[in-house]
Amino acid sequence: MNTRNEWHVASLVVYCRPECLEPALGALGHMPGVEVPVRGEQGKLVVAIEGPSQRTVVDAIDRIALLDGILSTTLIYHEFAELEAGEEQQ
């Protein structure tokens, strides 16, 4: 399958040290295709990632895991769809 015709969506549970939460949220907010729809005050986050390939998603997960204060990342969901001819990625 040609990755130019795919769109990937994944979600993670990310645990962060509470004292590092704000800097981590700032860093996550600057990553393309990454958003944090749910955050807990004690450092538990739900992170959504979207991108055109599995490699894009895996690279984002790797970058998240290396952020200061991140204790763990756990992949909860991953799905990809093959886009139809002329269909654009959102």
Protein backbone atom coordinates (compact mmCIF):
# COMPACT_ATOMS: atom_id res chain seq x y z
CA MET A 1 0.00 0.00 0.00
CA ASN A 2 1.32 3.44 -0.93
CA THR A 3 1.70 5.60 2.19
CA ARG A 4 0.66 8.70 0.23
CA ASN A 5 -2.83 7.18 0.19
CA GLU A 6 -3.03 6.50 3.93
CA TRP A 7 -4.09 8.52 6.93
CA HIS A 8 -3.20 7.29 10.44
CA VAL A 9 -4.80 8.14 13.77
CA ALA A 10 -3.44 6.97 17.12
CA SER A 11 -4.02 7.72 20.78
CA LEU A 12 -1.73 7.28 23.76
CA VAL A 13 -1.92 7.48 27.48
CA VAL A 14 1.08 9.46 28.62
CA TYR A 15 2.24 9.78 32.21
CA CYS A 16 4.22 12.86 33.08
CA ARG A 17 5.76 14.05 36.34
CA PRO A 18 3.28 16.62 37.71
CA GLU A 19 6.00 19.26 38.12
CA CYS A 20 6.89 18.87 34.40
CA LEU A 21 3.32 18.95 33.13
CA GLU A 22 3.19 22.53 31.82
CA PRO A 23 6.49 22.38 29.88
CA ALA A 24 5.47 18.99 28.45
CA LEU A 25 2.09 20.37 27.35
CA GLY A 26 3.87 23.28 25.70
CA ALA A 27 6.18 20.94 23.80
CA LEU A 28 3.28 18.70 22.76
CA GLY A 29 1.39 21.74 21.51
CA HIS A 30 4.21 22.52 19.07
CA MET A 31 4.37 19.03 17.55
CA PRO A 32 2.61 18.75 14.17
CA GLY A 33 -0.34 16.36 14.19
CA VAL A 34 -0.35 16.07 18.00
CA GLU A 35 -3.03 17.28 20.38
CA VAL A 36 -3.93 16.67 24.01
CA PRO A 37 -7.73 16.29 24.30
CA VAL A 38 -7.64 15.14 27.95
CA ARG A 39 -5.29 16.09 30.76
CA GLY A 40 -5.26 15.17 34.40
CA GLU A 41 -3.78 17.33 37.12
CA GLN A 42 -1.52 14.52 38.33
CA GLY A 43 0.25 14.17 34.98
CA LYS A 44 -1.95 11.67 33.13
CA LEU A 45 -2.63 12.75 29.53
CA VAL A 46 -4.50 11.38 26.56
CA VAL A 47 -2.59 12.32 23.42
CA ALA A 48 -3.96 12.05 19.88
CA ILE A 49 -1.67 11.81 16.86
CA GLU A 50 -2.61 12.07 13.18
CA GLY A 51 -0.40 11.74 10.15
CA PRO A 52 0.08 10.40 6.63
CA SER A 53 2.06 7.29 7.59
CA GLN A 54 2.77 4.84 10.36
CA ARG A 55 6.33 6.22 10.48
CA THR A 56 4.96 9.71 11.21
CA VAL A 57 2.98 8.35 14.17
CA VAL A 58 5.88 6.26 15.50
CA ASP A 59 8.27 9.22 15.20
CA ALA A 60 5.85 11.40 17.19
CA ILE A 61 5.56 8.72 19.89
CA ASP A 62 9.35 8.51 20.09
CA ARG A 63 9.66 12.32 20.41
CA ILE A 64 7.00 12.37 23.14
CA ALA A 65 8.77 9.61 25.10
CA LEU A 66 11.99 11.66 25.10
CA LEU A 67 10.43 14.85 26.51
CA ASP A 68 11.64 15.91 29.94
CA GLY A 69 9.42 14.53 32.69
CA ILE A 70 7.65 11.89 30.60
CA LEU A 71 7.53 8.65 32.58
CA SER A 72 5.72 6.41 30.07
CA THR A 73 3.75 6.31 26.84
CA THR A 74 1.25 3.56 26.10
CA LEU A 75 -0.36 3.15 22.69
CA ILE A 76 -4.10 2.65 23.19
CA TYR A 77 -5.47 2.93 19.66
CA HIS A 78 -4.16 2.97 16.10
CA GLU A 79 -6.16 2.99 12.91
CA PHE A 80 -5.38 3.82 9.34
CA ALA A 81 -7.56 4.37 6.34
CA GLU A 82 -6.72 4.21 2.69
CA LEU A 83 -7.74 7.47 1.09
CA GLU A 84 -9.70 7.46 -2.14
CA ALA A 85 -8.30 9.18 -5.23
CA GLY A 86 -8.74 12.93 -4.80
CA GLU A 87 -9.57 12.65 -1.07
CA GLU A 88 -7.47 15.00 1.02
CA GLN A 89 -6.03 14.46 4.46
CA GLN A 90 -7.63 16.69 7.09
